[in-house]
Amino acid sequence: MASPDLVTSVSASTPTSTSIRVSLTSTNSTAPSLGAETETITFVTTEAFWNVINSTKQDILTFQYVSTQDFNRLDQERELRRRKIRFRRYNAEERFLIVVIPGKPHERLHLRLYREIIKYIDRMGLDDAWNDDGATTSPQRPGPQRLGGNRGEGDSSGSPYPQPNGRNWPTLVIEAGDSSSLEKLWADMRW
């Protein structure tokens, strides 16, 4: 599969402003469509999960019926196997897990955009006041009717240093999807 050529534009206002407007456009007509959807796979066992992960050609998979215990086991197994997958979103109440298997197109989508944003942070003189958090796992922000156990990993993320009022949530999270619909990416953003 050919890698898409990306055109990224980033604009920032004054050095005291933190508002950044970003647009990302593919200029390669052979780039995969963002409209592609993935099927939902029923989680059965940890071994079956890894068989699916190791045999798929997709970059995003959705698993259903993943208990918190199953998720914790998968997280430990991921570390033991040193497998480069991301658990984009785990929802304990609904028992679903979205897994990202990043390939070159996926990584290029978010890394190029993150680099452009960091250039503007540096130009504003804030480089020493910014943490690059990468794909760090974050718990879901507390809110009404939210149970514990929900977690997510962005493709690239960052936050000011030090975090205001002890907050432990990234300020900037970039989600990329080579085979994900734009609607799913927007839903990920709202999480």
C-alpha atoms as a PDB file:
ATOM      1  CA  MET A   1       0.000   0.000   0.000  1.00  0.00           C
ATOM      2  CA  ALA A   2       1.397   3.392  -0.947  1.00  0.00           C
ATOM      3  CA  SER A   3       1.942   5.875   1.803  1.00  0.00           C
ATOM      4  CA  PRO A   4      -0.203   9.014   1.485  1.00  0.00           C
ATOM      5  CA  ASP A   5       1.546  12.297   0.853  1.00  0.00           C
ATOM      6  CA  LEU A   6       0.366  14.619   3.586  1.00  0.00           C
ATOM      7  CA  VAL A   7      -0.036  18.352   3.526  1.00  0.00           C
ATOM      8  CA  THR A   8      -0.237  19.831   6.979  1.00  0.00           C
ATOM      9  CA  SER A   9      -0.953  23.429   7.830  1.00  0.00           C
ATOM     10  CA  VAL A  10      -0.751  24.771  11.333  1.00  0.00           C
ATOM     11  CA  SER A  11      -1.366  28.340  12.397  1.00  0.00           C
ATOM     12  CA  ALA A  12      -0.941  29.916  15.781  1.00  0.00           C
ATOM     13  CA  SER A  13      -1.757  33.413  16.926  1.00  0.00           C
ATOM     14  CA  THR A  14       0.268  35.524  19.349  1.00  0.00           C
ATOM     15  CA  PRO A  15       2.943  34.062  21.661  1.00  0.00           C
ATOM     16  CA  THR A  16       0.527  34.376  24.593  1.00  0.00           C
ATOM     17  CA  SER A  17      -2.254  32.510  22.823  1.00  0.00           C
ATOM     18  CA  THR A  18      -2.616  28.748  22.960  1.00  0.00           C
ATOM     19  CA  SER A  19      -5.145  28.543  20.136  1.00  0.00           C
ATOM     20  CA  ILE A  20      -3.920  26.434  17.239  1.00  0.00           C
ATOM     21  CA  ARG A  21      -5.903  25.647  14.113  1.00  0.00           C
ATOM     22  CA  VAL A  22      -4.787  22.571  12.206  1.00  0.00           C
ATOM     23  CA  SER A  23      -5.817  20.969   8.937  1.00  0.00           C
ATOM     24  CA  LEU A  24      -4.492  17.755   7.462  1.00  0.00           C
ATOM     25  CA  THR A  25      -5.128  16.730   3.870  1.00  0.00           C
ATOM     26  CA  SER A  26      -4.059  13.716   1.879  1.00  0.00           C
ATOM     27  CA  THR A  27      -2.805  14.582  -1.602  1.00  0.00           C
ATOM     28  CA  ASN A  28      -2.463  10.970  -2.726  1.00  0.00           C
ATOM     29  CA  SER A  29      -5.552   9.633  -4.481  1.00  0.00           C
ATOM     30  CA  THR A  30      -4.512   6.057  -3.625  1.00  0.00           C
ATOM     31  CA  ALA A  31      -4.681   6.769   0.127  1.00  0.00           C
ATOM     32  CA  PRO A  32      -7.145   4.513   1.981  1.00  0.00           C
ATOM     33  CA  SER A  33     -10.562   5.988   2.597  1.00  0.00           C
ATOM     34  CA  LEU A  34     -11.398   7.222   6.081  1.00  0.00           C
ATOM     35  CA  GLY A  35     -14.838   5.752   5.529  1.00  0.00           C
ATOM     36  CA  ALA A  36     -13.764   2.130   5.938  1.00  0.00           C
ATOM     37  CA  GLU A  37     -15.438   0.391   8.871  1.00  0.00           C
ATOM     38  CA  THR A  38     -14.212  -2.495  10.965  1.00  0.00           C
ATOM     39  CA  GLU A  39     -16.262  -5.463  12.118  1.00  0.00           C
ATOM     40  CA  THR A  40     -16.881  -6.137  15.795  1.00  0.00           C
ATOM     41  CA  ILE A  41     -15.134  -9.277  17.029  1.00  0.00           C
ATOM     42  CA  THR A  42     -16.406 -11.261  20.015  1.00  0.00           C
ATOM     43  CA  PHE A  43     -13.690 -11.729  22.632  1.00  0.00           C
ATOM     44  CA  VAL A  44     -13.382 -15.396  23.648  1.00  0.00           C
ATOM     45  CA  THR A  45      -9.897 -15.995  25.066  1.00  0.00           C
ATOM     46  CA  THR A  46      -6.590 -14.163  25.366  1.00  0.00           C
ATOM     47  CA  GLU A  47      -4.935 -16.571  22.914  1.00  0.00           C
ATOM     48  CA  ALA A  48      -7.719 -16.098  20.338  1.00  0.00           C
ATOM     49  CA  PHE A  49      -7.313 -12.313  20.734  1.00  0.00           C
ATOM     50  CA  TRP A  50      -3.590 -12.531  19.880  1.00  0.00           C
ATOM     51  CA  ASN A  51      -4.307 -14.815  16.909  1.00  0.00           C
ATOM     52  CA  VAL A  52      -6.650 -12.171  15.483  1.00  0.00           C
ATOM     53  CA  ILE A  53      -4.146  -9.362  16.173  1.00  0.00           C
ATOM     54  CA  ASN A  54      -1.313 -11.270  14.489  1.00  0.00           C
ATOM     55  CA  SER A  55      -3.325 -12.193  11.391  1.00  0.00           C
ATOM     56  CA  THR A  56      -5.247  -8.996  10.578  1.00  0.00           C
ATOM     57  CA  LYS A  57      -4.465  -6.543   7.800  1.00  0.00           C
ATOM     58  CA  GLN A  58      -6.522  -3.754   9.419  1.00  0.00           C
ATOM     59  CA  ASP A  59      -5.111  -1.040  11.652  1.00  0.00           C
ATOM     60  CA  ILE A  60      -8.154  -0.799  13.957  1.00  0.00           C
ATOM     61  CA  LEU A  61     -10.180  -3.654  15.480  1.00  0.00           C
ATOM     62  CA  THR A  62     -13.128  -3.579  17.880  1.00  0.00           C
ATOM     63  CA  PHE A  63     -13.692  -6.382  20.402  1.00  0.00           C
ATOM     64  CA  GLN A  64     -16.902  -6.884  22.409  1.00  0.00           C
ATOM     65  CA  TYR A  65     -17.536  -8.708  25.705  1.00  0.00           C
ATOM     66  CA  VAL A  66     -14.124  -7.845  27.195  1.00  0.00           C
ATOM     67  CA  SER A  67     -14.423  -7.873  31.001  1.00  0.00           C
ATOM     68  CA  THR A  68     -12.192  -5.693  33.174  1.00  0.00           C
ATOM     69  CA  GLN A  69     -10.328  -8.844  34.215  1.00  0.00           C
ATOM     70  CA  ASP A  70      -9.826  -9.798  30.537  1.00  0.00           C
ATOM     71  CA  PHE A  71      -8.627  -6.277  29.736  1.00  0.00           C
ATOM     72  CA  ASN A  72      -6.099  -6.286  32.576  1.00  0.00           C
ATOM     73  CA  ARG A  73      -4.814  -9.682  31.411  1.00  0.00           C
ATOM     74  CA  LEU A  74      -4.480  -8.391  27.812  1.00  0.00           C
ATOM     75  CA  ASP A  75      -2.643  -5.304  29.054  1.00  0.00           C
ATOM     76  CA  GLN A  76      -0.142  -7.457  30.970  1.00  0.00           C
ATOM     77  CA  GLU A  77       0.243  -9.822  28.025  1.00  0.00           C
ATOM     78  CA  ARG A  78       0.861  -6.892  25.679  1.00  0.00           C
ATOM     79  CA  GLU A  79       3.797  -5.832  27.856  1.00  0.00           C
ATOM     80  CA  LEU A  80       5.178  -9.388  28.048  1.00  0.00           C
ATOM     81  CA  ARG A  81       4.920  -9.875  24.284  1.00  0.00           C
ATOM     82  CA  ARG A  82       6.244  -6.356  23.619  1.00  0.00           C
ATOM     83  CA  ARG A  83       3.634  -6.157  20.895  1.00  0.00           C
ATOM     84  CA  LYS A  84       3.245  -2.709  19.406  1.00  0.00           C
ATOM     85  CA  ILE A  85      -0.505  -2.288  19.685  1.00  0.00           C
ATOM     86  CA  ARG A  86      -2.483   0.451  21.372  1.00  0.00           C
ATOM     87  CA  PHE A  87      -5.623   0.057  23.383  1.00  0.00           C
ATOM     88  CA  ARG A  88      -7.287   3.138  21.933  1.00  0.00           C
ATOM     89  CA  ARG A  89     -10.360   2.822  24.090  1.00  0.00           C
ATOM     90  CA  TYR A  90     -11.607   0.422  26.733  1.00  0.00           C
ATOM     91  CA  ASN A  91     -15.131   0.870  28.089  1.00  0.00           C
ATOM     92  CA  ALA A  92     -15.733  -1.204  31.228  1.00  0.00           C
ATOM     93  CA  GLU A  93     -19.509  -0.637  31.327  1.00  0.00           C
ATOM     94  CA  GLU A  94     -20.113  -1.660  27.723  1.00  0.00           C
ATOM     95  CA  ARG A  95     -17.244  -4.190  27.757  1.00  0.00           C
ATOM     96  CA  PHE A  96     -15.696  -3.169  24.463  1.00  0.00           C
ATOM     97  CA  LEU A  97     -12.093  -2.599  23.450  1.00  0.00           C
ATOM     98  CA  ILE A  98     -10.803  -0.722  20.410  1.00  0.00           C
ATOM     99  CA  VAL A  99      -7.315  -1.854  19.400  1.00  0.00           C
ATOM    100  CA  VAL A 100      -4.968   0.034  17.074  1.00  0.00           C
ATOM    101  CA  ILE A 101      -2.256  -1.840  15.203  1.00  0.00           C
ATOM    102  CA  PRO A 102      -0.146   1.042  13.940  1.00  0.00           C
ATOM    103  CA  GLY A 103       1.608   0.686  10.603  1.00  0.00           C
ATOM    104  CA  LYS A 104       3.563   3.307   8.691  1.00  0.00           C
ATOM    105  CA  PRO A 105       0.550   5.197   7.250  1.00  0.00           C
ATOM    106  CA  HIS A 106      -1.088   5.317  10.697  1.00  0.00           C
ATOM    107  CA  GLU A 107       2.076   6.526  12.452  1.00  0.00           C
ATOM    108  CA  ARG A 108       2.851   9.105   9.772  1.00  0.00           C
ATOM    109  CA  LEU A 109      -0.635  10.593  10.057  1.00  0.00           C
ATOM    110  CA  HIS A 110      -0.289  11.587  13.696  1.00  0.00           C
ATOM    111  CA  LEU A 111       3.481  12.107  14.034  1.00  0.00           C
ATOM    112  CA  ARG A 112       3.664  14.684  11.260  1.00  0.00           C
ATOM    113  CA  LEU A 113       0.783  16.627  12.734  1.00  0.00           C
ATOM    114  CA  TYR A 114       2.224  16.463  16.263  1.00  0.00           C
ATOM    115  CA  ARG A 115       5.624  17.697  15.006  1.00  0.00           C
ATOM    116  CA  GLU A 116       3.967  20.718  13.379  1.00  0.00           C
ATOM    117  CA  ILE A 117       2.141  21.598  16.596  1.00  0.00           C
ATOM    118  CA  ILE A 118       5.340  21.239  18.650  1.00  0.00           C
ATOM    119  CA  LYS A 119       7.093  23.688  16.293  1.00  0.00           C
ATOM    120  CA  TYR A 120       4.500  26.318  17.243  1.00  0.00           C
ATOM    121  CA  ILE A 121       4.798  25.543  20.944  1.00  0.00           C
ATOM    122  CA  ASP A 122       8.570  26.041  20.615  1.00  0.00           C
ATOM    123  CA  ARG A 123       8.098  29.315  18.700  1.00  0.00           C
ATOM    124  CA  MET A 124       5.868  30.594  21.503  1.00  0.00           C
ATOM    125  CA  GLY A 125       8.731  29.933  23.921  1.00  0.00           C
ATOM    126  CA  LEU A 126       6.806  27.237  25.771  1.00  0.00           C
ATOM    127  CA  ASP A 127       9.016  24.246  24.933  1.00  0.00           C
ATOM    128  CA  ASP A 128      10.244  23.930  28.547  1.00  0.00           C
ATOM    129  CA  ALA A 129       6.652  24.056  29.784  1.00  0.00           C
ATOM    130  CA  TRP A 130       5.384  21.164  27.632  1.00  0.00           C
ATOM    131  CA  ASN A 131       5.428  17.394  28.232  1.00  0.00           C
ATOM    132  CA  ASP A 132       5.353  15.003  25.289  1.00  0.00           C
ATOM    133  CA  ASP A 133       3.228  12.119  26.583  1.00  0.00           C
ATOM    134  CA  GLY A 134       3.180   9.914  23.458  1.00  0.00           C
ATOM    135  CA  ALA A 135       0.599   7.106  23.623  1.00  0.00           C
ATOM    136  CA  THR A 136       0.365   7.106  27.424  1.00  0.00           C
ATOM    137  CA  THR A 137      -2.720   5.389  28.857  1.00  0.00           C
ATOM    138  CA  SER A 138      -5.138   7.815  30.502  1.00  0.00           C
ATOM    139  CA  PRO A 139      -8.138   6.991  32.673  1.00  0.00           C
ATOM    140  CA  GLN A 140     -11.425   8.486  31.535  1.00  0.00           C
ATOM    141  CA  ARG A 141     -12.125  11.852  33.089  1.00  0.00           C
ATOM    142  CA  PRO A 142     -14.532  11.590  36.028  1.00  0.00           C
ATOM    143  CA  GLY A 143     -18.100  12.549  35.343  1.00  0.00           C
ATOM    144  CA  PRO A 144     -21.712  11.674  36.068  1.00  0.00           C
ATOM    145  CA  GLN A 145     -22.637   8.017  35.494  1.00  0.00           C
ATOM    146  CA  ARG A 146     -19.065   6.969  34.650  1.00  0.00           C
ATOM    147  CA  LEU A 147     -17.727   3.864  36.298  1.00  0.00           C
ATOM    148  CA  GLY A 148     -14.033   3.352  36.933  1.00  0.00           C
ATOM    149  CA  GLY A 149     -11.921   1.216  34.646  1.00  0.00           C
ATOM    150  CA  ASN A 150     -12.439   3.103  31.386  1.00  0.00           C
ATOM    151  CA  ARG A 151      -9.119   3.960  29.743  1.00  0.00           C
ATOM    152  CA  GLY A 152      -7.740   5.243  26.479  1.00  0.00           C
ATOM    153  CA  GLU A 153      -4.507   5.816  24.591  1.00  0.00           C
ATOM    154  CA  GLY A 154      -4.141   8.503  21.962  1.00  0.00           C
ATOM    155  CA  ASP A 155      -1.638   8.171  19.151  1.00  0.00           C
ATOM    156  CA  SER A 156       0.218  11.325  20.223  1.00  0.00           C
ATOM    157  CA  SER A 157      -0.484  13.432  23.289  1.00  0.00           C
ATOM    158  CA  GLY A 158       0.954  16.173  25.421  1.00  0.00           C
ATOM    159  CA  SER A 159       0.229  18.512  28.290  1.00  0.00           C
ATOM    160  CA  PRO A 160       1.593  21.625  29.986  1.00  0.00           C
ATOM    161  CA  TYR A 161       4.191  21.245  32.703  1.00  0.00           C
ATOM    162  CA  PRO A 162       3.359  21.456  35.517  1.00  0.00           C
ATOM    163  CA  GLN A 163      -0.249  20.352  35.162  1.00  0.00           C
ATOM    164  CA  PRO A 164      -2.693  22.876  36.673  1.00  0.00           C
ATOM    165  CA  ASN A 165      -4.346  21.835  39.963  1.00  0.00           C
ATOM    166  CA  GLY A 166      -2.833  18.351  39.867  1.00  0.00           C
ATOM    167  CA  ARG A 167      -4.834  17.467  36.759  1.00  0.00           C
ATOM    168  CA  ASN A 168      -3.685  14.216  35.161  1.00  0.00           C
ATOM    169  CA  TRP A 169      -5.250  14.452  31.704  1.00  0.00           C
ATOM    170  CA  PRO A 170      -3.566  15.377  28.406  1.00  0.00           C
ATOM    171  CA  THR A 171      -4.362  18.763  26.890  1.00  0.00           C
ATOM    172  CA  LEU A 172      -3.618  17.633  23.342  1.00  0.00           C
ATOM    173  CA  VAL A 173      -4.483  14.192  21.983  1.00  0.00           C
ATOM    174  CA  ILE A 174      -4.118  13.257  18.326  1.00  0.00           C
ATOM    175  CA  GLU A 175      -6.037  10.252  17.021  1.00  0.00           C
ATOM    176  CA  ALA A 176      -5.220   8.861  13.573  1.00  0.00           C
ATOM    177  CA  GLY A 177      -7.076   6.239  11.609  1.00  0.00           C
ATOM    178  CA  ASP A 178      -5.987   4.751   8.327  1.00  0.00           C
ATOM    179  CA  SER A 179      -9.052   2.471   8.169  1.00  0.00           C
ATOM    180  CA  SER A 180     -11.328   4.310  10.592  1.00  0.00           C
ATOM    181  CA  SER A 181     -14.304   6.444   9.622  1.00  0.00           C
ATOM    182  CA  LEU A 182     -14.210  10.154  10.333  1.00  0.00           C
ATOM    183  CA  GLU A 183     -17.239   9.677  12.617  1.00  0.00           C
ATOM    184  CA  LYS A 184     -15.313   7.165  14.759  1.00  0.00           C
ATOM    185  CA  LEU A 185     -12.357   9.547  15.020  1.00  0.00           C
ATOM    186  CA  TRP A 186     -14.707  12.340  16.175  1.00  0.00           C
ATOM    187  CA  ALA A 187     -16.205   9.972  18.783  1.00  0.00           C
ATOM    188  CA  ASP A 188     -12.686   9.144  19.987  1.00  0.00           C
ATOM    189  CA  MET A 189     -11.936  12.844  20.271  1.00  0.00           C
ATOM    190  CA  ARG A 190     -15.003  13.459  22.460  1.00  0.00           C
ATOM    191  CA  TRP A 191     -14.006  10.647  24.830  1.00  0.00           C
END
